[in-house]
Amino acid sequence: MERPAVPFPPSPWRLTGDMVVSLWRVPADDLPSWPLPTGVRPWVVRRRATLVTFWVDYRPGGVLAYREFLVALAVRHGHRLAGSTVVAWVDDDRALAGGRALWGIPKEQGVFTLRADSRSTRAELTADGTPPVRFTYQDVLRLPFRLPARAHLIQRLPDGTECRVPMRISGRPSLGRGRVSTAPEAPLSVLARRQPVLSFAVRDFRSTVGG
């Protein structure tokens, strides 16, 4: 028997919570063989690609409340720069089903342990077939304003067509230090072997995904 479809909110999703973002520069030859939409290629400068990781605690007040770890690769799409989600895990069935169906984001099911206070975050992801991934973050400098930002993802829908996913966010940013650890044989050991170029928290954010 087929599993019943999991209902999820329609696009756009309005979400709120806290997140920690890290930017990584890694040798392009070290990237796992992640599939990308047709015509999209990694953005490589001096033989290094750029990855952005997101540890997110989506809280009540948005259309869904769940936790997520997402990795996006900076890519060239025509003459423009964009992001493309290459792996992601969530702890909510509706977030998983909606992310895949609406935008082609390759979400998988995971279990999260998260401990956070006003200045630090400790997180762990466990998922079938993937060694545990751990993350620590500590604030260094808080910025006294809310910061708005816009971006978009380029994804491939289940039917193979391309999907552009607009995103808008505003929140209270803090600069800090982050670090990932995982098993040496894990695909994400590409992050554990180096320090991020930049890490920052965005607390009390409000965001819109899709349009």
N, C-alpha and C. Protein backbone atom coordinates (compact mmCIF):
# COMPACT_ATOMS: atom_id res chain seq x y z
N MET A 1 0.83 -1.20 0.00
CA MET A 1 0.00 0.00 0.00
C MET A 1 0.87 1.26 0.00
N GLU A 2 0.40 2.29 -0.73
CA GLU A 2 1.11 3.55 -0.71
C GLU A 2 0.85 4.26 0.62
N ARG A 3 1.90 4.93 1.09
CA ARG A 3 1.72 5.72 2.29
C ARG A 3 0.84 6.92 1.99
N PRO A 4 -0.05 7.31 2.91
CA PRO A 4 -0.90 8.48 2.66
C PRO A 4 -0.05 9.74 2.55
N ALA A 5 -0.49 10.65 1.69
CA ALA A 5 0.22 11.92 1.52
C ALA A 5 0.19 12.72 2.82
N VAL A 6 1.29 13.37 3.12
CA VAL A 6 1.37 14.20 4.33
C VAL A 6 0.95 15.61 3.96
N PRO A 7 -0.07 16.17 4.63
CA PRO A 7 -0.48 17.53 4.29
C PRO A 7 0.56 18.54 4.76
N PHE A 8 0.69 19.64 4.02
CA PHE A 8 1.64 20.68 4.39
C PHE A 8 1.06 22.03 3.95
N PRO A 9 1.53 23.12 4.55
CA PRO A 9 1.01 24.44 4.19
C PRO A 9 1.37 24.81 2.76
N PRO A 10 0.51 25.59 2.09
CA PRO A 10 0.84 26.07 0.74
C PRO A 10 1.95 27.12 0.79
N SER A 11 2.60 27.32 -0.34
CA SER A 11 3.59 28.38 -0.47
C SER A 11 2.89 29.74 -0.56
N PRO A 12 3.46 30.78 0.06
CA PRO A 12 4.74 30.83 0.77
C PRO A 12 4.59 30.40 2.22
N TRP A 13 5.73 30.01 2.82
CA TRP A 13 5.78 29.71 4.24
C TRP A 13 6.33 30.91 4.98
N ARG A 14 5.61 31.34 5.98
CA ARG A 14 6.10 32.41 6.88
C ARG A 14 6.52 31.74 8.18
N LEU A 15 7.79 31.94 8.52
CA LEU A 15 8.42 31.20 9.60
C LEU A 15 9.14 32.16 10.54
N THR A 16 9.32 31.72 11.78
CA THR A 16 10.01 32.55 12.77
C THR A 16 10.85 31.67 13.68
N GLY A 17 11.88 32.24 14.29
CA GLY A 17 12.72 31.45 15.19
C GLY A 17 14.12 32.02 15.30
N ASP A 18 15.09 31.12 15.52
CA ASP A 18 16.51 31.47 15.63
C ASP A 18 17.30 30.56 14.69
N MET A 19 18.42 31.09 14.17
CA MET A 19 19.28 30.27 13.32
C MET A 19 20.73 30.69 13.50
N VAL A 20 21.63 29.76 13.15
CA VAL A 20 23.06 30.05 13.07
C VAL A 20 23.52 29.68 11.66
N VAL A 21 24.19 30.64 11.02
CA VAL A 21 24.63 30.49 9.63
C VAL A 21 26.15 30.50 9.62
N SER A 22 26.75 29.59 8.85
CA SER A 22 28.21 29.57 8.66
C SER A 22 28.53 29.49 7.18
N LEU A 23 29.58 30.21 6.80
CA LEU A 23 30.05 30.22 5.41
C LEU A 23 31.41 29.54 5.36
N TRP A 24 31.56 28.62 4.40
CA TRP A 24 32.76 27.81 4.28
C TRP A 24 33.33 27.92 2.88
N ARG A 25 34.66 27.96 2.78
CA ARG A 25 35.35 27.89 1.50
C ARG A 25 36.11 26.58 1.48
N VAL A 26 35.78 25.71 0.53
CA VAL A 26 36.38 24.38 0.50
C VAL A 26 36.92 24.09 -0.90
N PRO A 27 37.98 23.29 -1.00
CA PRO A 27 38.48 22.94 -2.34
C PRO A 27 37.38 22.29 -3.18
N ALA A 28 37.23 22.76 -4.39
CA ALA A 28 36.17 22.23 -5.26
C ALA A 28 36.32 20.73 -5.46
N ASP A 29 37.55 20.23 -5.49
CA ASP A 29 37.77 18.80 -5.69
C ASP A 29 37.32 17.96 -4.50
N ASP A 30 37.11 18.60 -3.34
CA ASP A 30 36.68 17.87 -2.14
C ASP A 30 35.16 17.78 -2.00
N LEU A 31 34.42 18.44 -2.88
CA LEU A 31 32.97 18.42 -2.78
C LEU A 31 32.43 17.03 -3.06
N PRO A 32 31.47 16.55 -2.25
CA PRO A 32 30.78 15.32 -2.63
C PRO A 32 30.06 15.49 -3.97
N SER A 33 29.68 14.40 -4.59
CA SER A 33 29.03 14.46 -5.91
C SER A 33 27.53 14.73 -5.74
N TRP A 34 27.21 15.92 -5.24
CA TRP A 34 25.81 16.30 -5.05
C TRP A 34 25.18 16.63 -6.40
N PRO A 35 23.97 16.13 -6.69
CA PRO A 35 23.30 16.49 -7.94
C PRO A 35 22.82 17.93 -7.91
N LEU A 36 22.91 18.60 -9.05
CA LEU A 36 22.46 19.98 -9.19
C LEU A 36 21.48 20.07 -10.34
N PRO A 37 20.62 21.09 -10.35
CA PRO A 37 19.71 21.28 -11.49
C PRO A 37 20.50 21.46 -12.78
N THR A 38 19.87 21.12 -13.89
CA THR A 38 20.50 21.26 -15.20
C THR A 38 20.91 22.72 -15.45
N GLY A 39 22.13 22.91 -15.93
CA GLY A 39 22.60 24.26 -16.24
C GLY A 39 23.15 25.01 -15.05
N VAL A 40 23.17 24.39 -13.89
CA VAL A 40 23.69 25.02 -12.68
C VAL A 40 25.04 24.39 -12.36
N ARG A 41 26.00 25.22 -12.01
CA ARG A 41 27.33 24.70 -11.68
C ARG A 41 27.86 25.40 -10.44
N PRO A 42 28.73 24.76 -9.67
CA PRO A 42 29.28 25.41 -8.47
C PRO A 42 30.02 26.70 -8.84
N TRP A 43 29.91 27.67 -7.98
CA TRP A 43 30.68 28.91 -8.12
C TRP A 43 32.06 28.66 -7.52
N VAL A 44 33.06 28.64 -8.36
CA VAL A 44 34.42 28.29 -7.94
C VAL A 44 35.34 29.47 -8.21
N VAL A 45 36.05 29.90 -7.17
CA VAL A 45 37.03 30.98 -7.27
C VAL A 45 38.33 30.46 -6.68
N ARG A 46 39.39 30.50 -7.46
CA ARG A 46 40.69 30.01 -7.02
C ARG A 46 40.59 28.56 -6.52
N ARG A 47 39.84 27.78 -7.29
CA ARG A 47 39.66 26.35 -7.04
C ARG A 47 38.92 26.04 -5.74
N ARG A 48 38.22 27.02 -5.20
CA ARG A 48 37.46 26.79 -3.97
C ARG A 48 35.99 27.11 -4.21
N ALA A 49 35.15 26.25 -3.64
CA ALA A 49 33.70 26.45 -3.68
C ALA A 49 33.23 27.02 -2.34
N THR A 50 32.03 27.55 -2.34
CA THR A 50 31.45 28.15 -1.13
C THR A 50 30.23 27.36 -0.70
N LEU A 51 30.24 26.93 0.56
CA LEU A 51 29.09 26.28 1.17
C LEU A 51 28.55 27.15 2.29
N VAL A 52 27.24 27.10 2.49
CA VAL A 52 26.60 27.83 3.58
C VAL A 52 25.74 26.84 4.36
N THR A 53 25.97 26.76 5.67
CA THR A 53 25.18 25.85 6.52
C THR A 53 24.23 26.65 7.39
N PHE A 54 23.08 26.05 7.65
CA PHE A 54 22.03 26.68 8.46
C PHE A 54 21.56 25.68 9.51
N TRP A 55 21.73 26.02 10.77
CA TRP A 55 21.10 25.29 11.88
C TRP A 55 19.94 26.15 12.34
N VAL A 56 18.72 25.65 12.22
CA VAL A 56 17.55 26.50 12.42
C VAL A 56 16.58 25.87 13.41
N ASP A 57 16.10 26.70 14.31
CA ASP A 57 15.03 26.32 15.24
C ASP A 57 13.81 27.17 14.89
N TYR A 58 12.92 26.61 14.05
CA TYR A 58 11.68 27.30 13.69
C TYR A 58 10.69 27.11 14.84
N ARG A 59 10.11 28.20 15.32
CA ARG A 59 9.31 28.17 16.54
C ARG A 59 7.84 28.48 16.25
N PRO A 60 6.96 28.17 17.21
CA PRO A 60 5.56 28.53 17.04
C PRO A 60 5.41 30.03 16.76
N GLY A 61 4.47 30.34 15.91
CA GLY A 61 4.29 31.71 15.44
C GLY A 61 4.37 31.76 13.92
N GLY A 62 5.03 30.75 13.32
CA GLY A 62 5.03 30.59 11.88
C GLY A 62 4.07 29.49 11.47
N VAL A 63 4.07 29.14 10.18
CA VAL A 63 3.13 28.12 9.71
C VAL A 63 3.51 26.72 10.19
N LEU A 64 4.80 26.52 10.52
CA LEU A 64 5.28 25.25 11.06
C LEU A 64 6.32 25.54 12.13
N ALA A 65 6.47 24.61 13.06
CA ALA A 65 7.55 24.67 14.06
C ALA A 65 8.34 23.37 13.95
N TYR A 66 9.64 23.47 13.67
CA TYR A 66 10.48 22.28 13.52
C TYR A 66 11.94 22.71 13.57
N ARG A 67 12.84 21.74 13.49
CA ARG A 67 14.27 22.02 13.47
C ARG A 67 14.86 21.51 12.16
N GLU A 68 15.93 22.18 11.74
CA GLU A 68 16.48 21.88 10.42
C GLU A 68 17.99 22.12 10.41
N PHE A 69 18.69 21.26 9.68
CA PHE A 69 20.08 21.50 9.30
C PHE A 69 20.13 21.42 7.78
N LEU A 70 20.57 22.51 7.15
CA LEU A 70 20.55 22.62 5.70
C LEU A 70 21.91 23.08 5.21
N VAL A 71 22.36 22.49 4.11
CA VAL A 71 23.61 22.87 3.46
C VAL A 71 23.30 23.34 2.05
N ALA A 72 23.71 24.57 1.73
CA ALA A 72 23.51 25.13 0.40
C ALA A 72 24.87 25.39 -0.24
N LEU A 73 24.94 25.15 -1.53
CA LEU A 73 26.15 25.39 -2.32
C LEU A 73 25.94 26.65 -3.15
N ALA A 74 26.90 27.57 -3.11
CA ALA A 74 26.84 28.74 -3.99
C ALA A 74 27.06 28.28 -5.44
N VAL A 75 26.18 28.71 -6.34
CA VAL A 75 26.21 28.22 -7.72
C VAL A 75 26.08 29.38 -8.69
N ARG A 76 26.48 29.10 -9.93
CA ARG A 76 26.23 29.97 -11.06
C ARG A 76 24.98 29.47 -11.77
N HIS A 77 24.06 30.40 -12.00
CA HIS A 77 22.84 30.08 -12.75
C HIS A 77 22.73 31.12 -13.86
N GLY A 78 23.21 30.76 -15.05
CA GLY A 78 23.35 31.76 -16.09
C GLY A 78 24.46 32.72 -15.68
N HIS A 79 24.12 34.01 -15.67
CA HIS A 79 25.10 35.02 -15.27
C HIS A 79 24.91 35.44 -13.81
N ARG A 80 24.05 34.76 -13.09
CA ARG A 80 23.74 35.15 -11.71
C ARG A 80 24.29 34.16 -10.70
N LEU A 81 24.52 34.67 -9.49
CA LEU A 81 24.86 33.81 -8.37
C LEU A 81 23.59 33.45 -7.62
N ALA A 82 23.53 32.23 -7.13
CA ALA A 82 22.39 31.76 -6.34
C ALA A 82 22.89 30.70 -5.38
N GLY A 83 21.98 30.13 -4.64
CA GLY A 83 22.28 28.98 -3.80
C GLY A 83 21.49 27.78 -4.28
N SER A 84 21.98 26.58 -3.98
CA SER A 84 21.23 25.36 -4.27
C SER A 84 21.40 24.43 -3.08
N THR A 85 20.30 24.06 -2.46
CA THR A 85 20.36 23.15 -1.32
C THR A 85 20.79 21.77 -1.80
N VAL A 86 21.85 21.26 -1.19
CA VAL A 86 22.38 19.96 -1.60
C VAL A 86 22.02 18.85 -0.62
N VAL A 87 21.89 19.16 0.66
CA VAL A 87 21.41 18.21 1.66
C VAL A 87 20.67 18.99 2.74
N ALA A 88 19.68 18.35 3.35
CA ALA A 88 18.93 18.99 4.44
C ALA A 88 18.23 17.91 5.25
N TRP A 89 18.10 18.17 6.54
CA TRP A 89 17.38 17.26 7.44
C TRP A 89 16.43 18.08 8.29
N VAL A 90 15.25 17.53 8.55
CA VAL A 90 14.25 18.17 9.40
C VAL A 90 13.65 17.11 10.32
N ASP A 91 12.98 17.58 11.38
CA ASP A 91 12.35 16.64 12.31
C ASP A 91 10.83 16.73 12.27
N ASP A 92 10.28 17.12 11.12
CA ASP A 92 8.83 17.26 10.98
C ASP A 92 8.42 16.73 9.62
N ASP A 93 7.44 15.82 9.59
CA ASP A 93 7.00 15.21 8.34
C ASP A 93 6.42 16.22 7.36
N ARG A 94 5.71 17.22 7.87
CA ARG A 94 5.10 18.22 6.97
C ARG A 94 6.16 19.10 6.32
N ALA A 95 7.19 19.46 7.11
CA ALA A 95 8.28 20.25 6.55
C ALA A 95 9.03 19.45 5.50
N LEU A 96 9.21 18.16 5.73
CA LEU A 96 9.90 17.31 4.76
C LEU A 96 9.09 17.22 3.46
N ALA A 97 7.81 16.88 3.60
CA ALA A 97 6.97 16.69 2.41
C ALA A 97 6.80 17.99 1.64
N GLY A 98 6.58 19.09 2.35
CA GLY A 98 6.39 20.37 1.68
C GLY A 98 7.65 20.87 1.01
N GLY A 99 8.78 20.74 1.69
CA GLY A 99 10.03 21.20 1.09
C GLY A 99 10.34 20.48 -0.21
N ARG A 100 10.07 19.17 -0.25
CA ARG A 100 10.33 18.39 -1.47
C ARG A 100 9.32 18.73 -2.57
N ALA A 101 8.03 18.76 -2.23
CA ALA A 101 7.01 18.92 -3.25
C ALA A 101 6.93 20.34 -3.81
N LEU A 102 7.05 21.35 -2.93
CA LEU A 102 6.89 22.72 -3.37
C LEU A 102 8.12 23.26 -4.08
N TRP A 103 9.32 22.90 -3.57
CA TRP A 103 10.53 23.57 -4.03
C TRP A 103 11.66 22.62 -4.42
N GLY A 104 11.48 21.33 -4.31
CA GLY A 104 12.54 20.40 -4.67
C GLY A 104 13.72 20.42 -3.72
N ILE A 105 13.51 20.81 -2.47
CA ILE A 105 14.59 20.81 -1.48
C ILE A 105 14.72 19.38 -0.94
N PRO A 106 15.89 18.76 -1.06
CA PRO A 106 16.03 17.32 -0.76
C PRO A 106 16.08 17.02 0.74
N LYS A 107 14.98 17.29 1.41
CA LYS A 107 14.94 17.11 2.86
C LYS A 107 14.82 15.63 3.23
N GLU A 108 15.49 15.28 4.31
CA GLU A 108 15.43 13.95 4.89
C GLU A 108 15.02 14.08 6.35
N GLN A 109 14.61 12.94 6.94
CA GLN A 109 14.20 12.93 8.33
C GLN A 109 15.43 12.82 9.23
N GLY A 110 15.46 13.62 10.29
CA GLY A 110 16.55 13.58 11.26
C GLY A 110 16.03 13.80 12.67
N VAL A 111 16.90 13.53 13.63
CA VAL A 111 16.60 13.77 15.04
C VAL A 111 17.59 14.81 15.54
N PHE A 112 17.08 15.83 16.21
CA PHE A 112 17.92 16.95 16.64
C PHE A 112 17.97 17.02 18.16
N THR A 113 19.15 17.31 18.66
CA THR A 113 19.33 17.72 20.05
C THR A 113 19.87 19.14 20.00
N LEU A 114 19.18 20.06 20.65
CA LEU A 114 19.54 21.47 20.56
C LEU A 114 19.52 22.09 21.94
N ARG A 115 20.64 22.73 22.28
CA ARG A 115 20.73 23.49 23.53
C ARG A 115 21.22 24.88 23.17
N ALA A 116 20.43 25.88 23.53
CA ALA A 116 20.77 27.25 23.15
C ALA A 116 20.41 28.21 24.27
N ASP A 117 21.19 29.27 24.41
CA ASP A 117 20.85 30.38 25.29
C ASP A 117 21.01 31.66 24.48
N SER A 118 21.08 32.78 25.16
CA SER A 118 21.10 34.07 24.45
C SER A 118 22.40 34.31 23.70
N ARG A 119 23.46 33.50 23.95
CA ARG A 119 24.75 33.77 23.32
C ARG A 119 25.40 32.54 22.68
N SER A 120 24.88 31.36 22.90
CA SER A 120 25.56 30.17 22.37
C SER A 120 24.53 29.14 21.92
N THR A 121 25.01 28.22 21.08
CA THR A 121 24.17 27.13 20.56
C THR A 121 25.01 25.87 20.47
N ARG A 122 24.43 24.76 20.91
CA ARG A 122 25.01 23.43 20.70
C ARG A 122 23.94 22.57 20.04
N ALA A 123 24.30 21.92 18.95
CA ALA A 123 23.31 21.14 18.22
C ALA A 123 23.93 19.82 17.78
N GLU A 124 23.08 18.81 17.66
CA GLU A 124 23.51 17.52 17.12
C GLU A 124 22.40 16.97 16.24
N LEU A 125 22.78 16.45 15.09
CA LEU A 125 21.87 15.78 14.17
C LEU A 125 22.24 14.32 14.08
N THR A 126 21.25 13.46 14.23
CA THR A 126 21.43 12.03 13.93
C THR A 126 20.37 11.64 12.91
N ALA A 127 20.80 10.83 11.93
CA ALA A 127 19.90 10.41 10.86
C ALA A 127 20.36 9.07 10.33
N ASP A 128 19.44 8.28 9.80
CA ASP A 128 19.77 6.98 9.24
C ASP A 128 20.80 7.13 8.12
N GLY A 129 21.83 6.30 8.17
CA GLY A 129 22.82 6.28 7.12
C GLY A 129 23.82 7.41 7.14
N THR A 130 23.77 8.26 8.18
CA THR A 130 24.67 9.41 8.28
C THR A 130 25.28 9.46 9.67
N PRO A 131 26.61 9.50 9.80
CA PRO A 131 27.20 9.66 11.12
C PRO A 131 26.70 10.95 11.78
N PRO A 132 26.59 10.98 13.11
CA PRO A 132 26.12 12.19 13.78
C PRO A 132 26.95 13.42 13.39
N VAL A 133 26.26 14.53 13.26
CA VAL A 133 26.90 15.81 12.96
C VAL A 133 26.66 16.72 14.16
N ARG A 134 27.74 17.30 14.69
CA ARG A 134 27.64 18.17 15.86
C ARG A 134 28.11 19.57 15.50
N PHE A 135 27.51 20.55 16.16
CA PHE A 135 27.82 21.95 15.87
C PHE A 135 27.85 22.74 17.17
N THR A 136 28.84 23.62 17.32
CA THR A 136 28.90 24.55 18.45
C THR A 136 29.07 25.95 17.91
N TYR A 137 28.47 26.90 18.63
CA TYR A 137 28.54 28.31 18.24
C TYR A 137 28.55 29.17 19.48
N GLN A 138 29.35 30.27 19.44
CA GLN A 138 29.43 31.22 20.53
C GLN A 138 29.45 32.63 19.98
N ASP A 139 28.58 33.50 20.50
CA ASP A 139 28.59 34.91 20.10
C ASP A 139 29.91 35.58 20.46
N VAL A 140 30.32 36.51 19.60
CA VAL A 140 31.46 37.38 19.89
C VAL A 140 31.03 38.84 19.92
N LEU A 141 30.16 39.23 18.97
CA LEU A 141 29.74 40.62 18.86
C LEU A 141 28.28 40.67 18.44
N ARG A 142 27.46 41.34 19.25
CA ARG A 142 26.07 41.55 18.89
C ARG A 142 25.92 42.88 18.16
N LEU A 143 25.09 42.88 17.14
CA LEU A 143 24.84 44.10 16.39
C LEU A 143 23.49 44.68 16.82
N PRO A 144 23.43 46.00 17.07
CA PRO A 144 22.25 46.60 17.72
C PRO A 144 21.16 47.01 16.73
N PHE A 145 20.80 46.14 15.80
CA PHE A 145 19.73 46.47 14.85
C PHE A 145 19.22 45.18 14.23
N ARG A 146 18.06 45.28 13.60
CA ARG A 146 17.54 44.17 12.82
C ARG A 146 18.05 44.31 11.39
N LEU A 147 18.45 43.20 10.81
CA LEU A 147 19.05 43.21 9.48
C LEU A 147 18.14 42.46 8.50
N PRO A 148 17.70 43.12 7.42
CA PRO A 148 16.93 42.41 6.39
C PRO A 148 17.85 41.84 5.32
N ALA A 149 17.43 40.76 4.70
CA ALA A 149 18.21 40.15 3.62
C ALA A 149 17.27 39.42 2.67
N ARG A 150 17.73 39.28 1.41
CA ARG A 150 17.00 38.53 0.39
C ARG A 150 17.97 37.58 -0.30
N ALA A 151 17.46 36.45 -0.74
CA ALA A 151 18.27 35.50 -1.50
C ALA A 151 17.31 34.61 -2.28
N HIS A 152 17.87 33.71 -3.09
CA HIS A 152 17.02 32.70 -3.73
C HIS A 152 17.82 31.44 -3.97
N LEU A 153 17.08 30.34 -3.98
CA LEU A 153 17.63 29.03 -4.27
C LEU A 153 17.18 28.58 -5.66
N ILE A 154 18.02 27.79 -6.31
CA ILE A 154 17.66 27.12 -7.55
C ILE A 154 17.63 25.62 -7.25
N GLN A 155 16.46 25.00 -7.42
CA GLN A 155 16.28 23.59 -7.09
C GLN A 155 15.66 22.85 -8.28
N ARG A 156 15.67 21.53 -8.18
CA ARG A 156 15.05 20.69 -9.21
C ARG A 156 13.86 19.99 -8.58
N LEU A 157 12.67 20.21 -9.14
CA LEU A 157 11.45 19.59 -8.62
C LEU A 157 11.44 18.09 -8.93
N PRO A 158 10.57 17.33 -8.24
CA PRO A 158 10.53 15.89 -8.49
C PRO A 158 10.29 15.51 -9.95
N ASP A 159 9.61 16.37 -10.73
CA ASP A 159 9.38 16.05 -12.14
C ASP A 159 10.54 16.48 -13.04
N GLY A 160 11.62 17.00 -12.44
CA GLY A 160 12.81 17.37 -13.21
C GLY A 160 12.86 18.82 -13.63
N THR A 161 11.79 19.57 -13.44
CA THR A 161 11.79 20.97 -13.84
C THR A 161 12.52 21.82 -12.80
N GLU A 162 12.96 22.97 -13.27
CA GLU A 162 13.70 23.90 -12.40
C GLU A 162 12.74 24.72 -11.55
N CYS A 163 13.16 25.03 -10.32
CA CYS A 163 12.34 25.82 -9.42
C CYS A 163 13.20 26.90 -8.78
N ARG A 164 12.75 28.14 -8.87
CA ARG A 164 13.43 29.26 -8.21
C ARG A 164 12.68 29.57 -6.92
N VAL A 165 13.39 29.57 -5.80
CA VAL A 165 12.77 29.72 -4.48
C VAL A 165 13.21 31.05 -3.86
N PRO A 166 12.38 32.08 -3.89
CA PRO A 166 12.76 33.35 -3.25
C PRO A 166 12.65 33.24 -1.74
N MET A 167 13.54 33.96 -1.05
CA MET A 167 13.54 33.97 0.42
C MET A 167 13.79 35.39 0.90
N ARG A 168 13.06 35.76 1.95
CA ARG A 168 13.27 37.04 2.61
C ARG A 168 13.36 36.79 4.11
N ILE A 169 14.22 37.54 4.79
CA ILE A 169 14.40 37.34 6.22
C ILE A 169 14.82 38.65 6.88
N SER A 170 14.43 38.85 8.12
CA SER A 170 14.97 39.94 8.94
C SER A 170 15.09 39.40 10.37
N GLY A 171 16.14 39.84 11.05
CA GLY A 171 16.36 39.37 12.41
C GLY A 171 17.50 40.13 13.07
N ARG A 172 17.78 39.79 14.34
CA ARG A 172 18.83 40.44 15.11
C ARG A 172 20.13 39.64 14.96
N PRO A 173 21.13 40.19 14.27
CA PRO A 173 22.35 39.42 13.99
C PRO A 173 23.40 39.56 15.09
N SER A 174 24.20 38.51 15.23
CA SER A 174 25.39 38.51 16.09
C SER A 174 26.49 37.77 15.36
N LEU A 175 27.69 38.32 15.39
CA LEU A 175 28.85 37.64 14.83
C LEU A 175 29.44 36.71 15.88
N GLY A 176 29.97 35.57 15.44
CA GLY A 176 30.50 34.63 16.43
C GLY A 176 31.44 33.62 15.81
N ARG A 177 31.68 32.54 16.56
CA ARG A 177 32.56 31.46 16.13
C ARG A 177 31.78 30.15 16.13
N GLY A 178 31.88 29.41 15.02
CA GLY A 178 31.19 28.12 14.91
C GLY A 178 32.14 27.03 14.49
N ARG A 179 31.74 25.80 14.78
CA ARG A 179 32.56 24.65 14.39
C ARG A 179 31.68 23.42 14.23
N VAL A 180 31.96 22.62 13.19
CA VAL A 180 31.25 21.36 12.92
C VAL A 180 32.20 20.20 13.20
N SER A 181 31.66 19.12 13.75
CA SER A 181 32.44 17.89 13.89
C SER A 181 31.57 16.71 13.47
N THR A 182 32.21 15.72 12.83
CA THR A 182 31.54 14.49 12.42
C THR A 182 32.61 13.45 12.14
N ALA A 183 32.18 12.24 11.78
CA ALA A 183 33.13 11.16 11.53
C ALA A 183 33.98 11.45 10.29
N PRO A 184 35.24 11.00 10.28
CA PRO A 184 36.11 11.28 9.15
C PRO A 184 35.58 10.76 7.82
N GLU A 185 34.81 9.66 7.85
CA GLU A 185 34.31 9.09 6.60
C GLU A 185 33.00 9.72 6.14
N ALA A 186 32.43 10.63 6.91
CA ALA A 186 31.14 11.23 6.57
C ALA A 186 31.29 12.23 5.44
N PRO A 187 30.28 12.34 4.55
CA PRO A 187 30.36 13.34 3.48
C PRO A 187 30.61 14.75 4.00
N LEU A 188 30.04 15.08 5.17
CA LEU A 188 30.20 16.43 5.69
C LEU A 188 31.49 16.62 6.46
N SER A 189 32.37 15.63 6.43
CA SER A 189 33.70 15.84 7.01
C SER A 189 34.45 16.93 6.24
N VAL A 190 34.00 17.27 5.04
CA VAL A 190 34.58 18.37 4.29
C VAL A 190 34.47 19.67 5.08
N LEU A 191 33.48 19.76 5.98
CA LEU A 191 33.34 20.92 6.86
C LEU A 191 34.13 20.75 8.15
N ALA A 192 34.12 19.54 8.69
CA ALA A 192 34.77 19.30 9.98
C ALA A 192 36.28 19.48 9.90
N ARG A 193 36.85 19.35 8.70
CA ARG A 193 38.30 19.46 8.56
C ARG A 193 38.79 20.90 8.50
N ARG A 194 37.88 21.88 8.59
CA ARG A 194 38.31 23.28 8.48
C ARG A 194 37.38 24.19 9.28
N GLN A 195 37.81 25.41 9.48
CA GLN A 195 37.01 26.42 10.18
C GLN A 195 36.18 27.20 9.18
N PRO A 196 34.97 27.63 9.57
CA PRO A 196 34.20 28.49 8.67
C PRO A 196 34.86 29.86 8.52
N VAL A 197 34.67 30.45 7.36
CA VAL A 197 35.15 31.81 7.13
C VAL A 197 34.40 32.80 7.99
N LEU A 198 33.10 32.53 8.20
CA LEU A 198 32.22 33.44 8.93
C LEU A 198 31.11 32.64 9.57
N SER A 199 30.77 32.97 10.82
CA SER A 199 29.59 32.41 11.47
C SER A 199 28.82 33.53 12.15
N PHE A 200 27.52 33.46 12.06
CA PHE A 200 26.70 34.46 12.74
C PHE A 200 25.33 33.87 13.08
N ALA A 201 24.76 34.39 14.15
CA ALA A 201 23.41 34.01 14.56
C ALA A 201 22.42 35.06 14.08
N VAL A 202 21.22 34.62 13.77
CA VAL A 202 20.11 35.54 13.47
C VAL A 202 18.97 35.13 14.39
N ARG A 203 18.76 35.93 15.43
CA ARG A 203 17.77 35.57 16.44
C ARG A 203 16.47 36.35 16.22
N ASP A 204 15.39 35.74 16.69
CA ASP A 204 14.06 36.34 16.57
C ASP A 204 13.79 36.73 15.12
N PHE A 205 14.17 35.84 14.17
CA PHE A 205 13.97 36.20 12.77
C PHE A 205 12.53 35.98 12.34
N ARG A 206 12.17 36.69 11.30
CA ARG A 206 10.91 36.47 10.58
C ARG A 206 11.28 36.27 9.13
N SER A 207 10.78 35.22 8.53
CA SER A 207 11.18 34.91 7.15
C SER A 207 9.98 34.47 6.32
N THR A 208 10.15 34.61 5.01
CA THR A 208 9.18 34.13 4.03
C THR A 208 9.92 33.29 3.01
N VAL A 209 9.47 32.07 2.79
CA VAL A 209 10.08 31.17 1.82
C VAL A 209 9.05 30.88 0.74
N GLY A 210 9.44 31.05 -0.52
CA GLY A 210 8.50 30.86 -1.62
C GLY A 210 7.73 32.13 -1.91
N GLY A 211 6.91 32.05 -2.91
CA GLY A 211 6.16 33.24 -3.27
C GLY A 211 5.05 32.92 -4.26
